[in-house]
Protein backbone atom coordinates (compact mmCIF):
# COMPACT_ATOMS: atom_id res chain seq x y z
CA MET A 1 36.35 -70.89 -34.59
CA ASN A 2 36.05 -73.96 -32.82
CA ASP A 3 34.56 -74.49 -29.16
CA VAL A 4 35.87 -71.23 -27.57
CA ARG A 5 35.62 -71.77 -23.68
CA PRO A 6 38.19 -69.99 -21.09
CA ALA A 7 40.88 -71.77 -19.60
CA ARG A 8 39.98 -72.63 -15.71
CA SER A 9 41.52 -75.29 -13.41
CA GLU A 10 40.81 -78.88 -14.70
CA ARG A 11 40.60 -80.00 -10.90
CA PRO A 12 40.18 -77.95 -7.91
CA GLY A 13 43.43 -76.81 -6.24
CA ARG A 14 45.15 -77.51 -9.82
CA ALA A 15 45.48 -73.98 -10.46
CA GLY A 16 47.43 -72.89 -13.70
CA ARG A 17 46.51 -76.31 -15.46
CA PRO A 18 43.85 -75.12 -18.11
CA ASP A 19 40.96 -77.50 -19.54
CA ILE A 20 41.78 -79.80 -22.59
CA GLY A 21 40.62 -77.64 -25.73
CA THR A 22 40.75 -74.43 -24.34
CA TYR A 23 42.91 -71.45 -26.04
CA VAL A 24 45.94 -70.19 -23.78
CA LEU A 25 48.82 -68.18 -24.72
CA ASP A 26 52.43 -69.38 -23.86
CA THR A 27 53.69 -65.95 -22.91
CA ARG A 28 57.33 -67.27 -23.35
CA THR A 29 56.81 -67.82 -26.63
CA GLY A 30 53.91 -65.26 -27.52
CA LYS A 31 51.95 -68.13 -29.30
CA VAL A 32 48.40 -69.12 -29.11
CA GLY A 33 47.94 -72.82 -28.47
CA ILE A 34 45.17 -75.06 -27.85
CA VAL A 35 45.41 -77.49 -25.13
CA MET A 36 45.73 -80.73 -26.05
CA GLY A 37 47.02 -83.01 -23.05
CA HIS A 38 48.84 -82.47 -19.67
CA GLU A 39 52.14 -84.49 -18.79
CA GLY A 40 53.43 -84.02 -15.50
CA LEU A 41 52.70 -80.23 -14.52
CA TYR A 42 53.11 -79.35 -18.55
CA SER A 43 50.41 -78.74 -20.64
CA GLN A 44 50.80 -79.69 -24.41
CA LEU A 45 49.80 -77.16 -26.75
CA ARG A 46 49.18 -76.91 -30.50
CA SER A 47 48.99 -74.08 -32.93
CA TYR A 48 45.83 -72.96 -34.28
CA GLY A 49 45.33 -74.65 -37.59
CA GLY A 50 47.56 -77.38 -36.32
CA GLY A 51 51.15 -78.50 -36.57
CA ARG A 52 53.56 -79.59 -34.12
CA GLU A 53 52.81 -79.98 -30.40
CA TRP A 54 55.10 -77.94 -27.21
CA ASP A 55 55.20 -78.32 -23.53
CA ALA A 56 54.62 -75.28 -21.79
CA ALA A 57 54.96 -74.62 -18.02
CA PRO A 58 52.30 -73.75 -16.00
CA ASP A 59 53.65 -70.29 -14.80
CA ALA A 60 53.94 -69.34 -18.64
CA LEU A 61 49.83 -69.83 -19.62
CA ARG A 62 47.17 -67.68 -19.55
CA PRO A 63 43.83 -67.67 -20.90
CA ALA A 64 43.91 -66.16 -24.64
CA THR A 65 41.96 -63.26 -25.18
CA PRO A 66 39.08 -63.02 -28.26
CA ALA A 67 41.64 -60.53 -29.87
CA GLU A 68 44.53 -63.38 -29.59
CA ARG A 69 42.53 -66.08 -30.68
CA LEU A 70 41.08 -64.01 -33.68
CA SER A 71 44.72 -63.05 -34.61
CA ALA A 72 46.30 -66.80 -34.72
CA ALA A 73 43.05 -67.84 -36.59
CA THR A 74 43.66 -65.10 -39.43
CA ALA A 75 47.29 -65.56 -39.14
CA TYR A 76 46.39 -69.37 -40.18
CA ALA A 77 44.14 -68.45 -43.05
CA ASN A 78 46.47 -65.96 -44.44
CA ALA A 79 49.23 -68.59 -44.62
CA ARG A 80 46.53 -71.14 -46.07
CA SER A 81 45.55 -68.66 -48.91
CA ARG A 82 49.37 -68.50 -49.66
CA GLY A 83 50.00 -72.22 -49.90
CA GLU A 84 52.19 -72.49 -46.72
CA VAL A 85 50.06 -74.83 -44.61
CA PRO A 86 47.45 -77.40 -46.11
């Protein structure tokens, strides 16, 4: 997998705002995403392996566990082997 860093605040006093490049779980959708950026209070996430970004509220995010990251990577590898994604 890519550089795996735990999610943490980007700036002191900005709890709930994970660093860009970290893996988080969007608890509202149940999807693991990589933080691509921030817009206002929201974080922009992209699925493991790429795809369309989505916005997530800070109270819906938590650091993804190693098992959740592995599950996302496995799902992507399986979809790729079936020709569903490039």
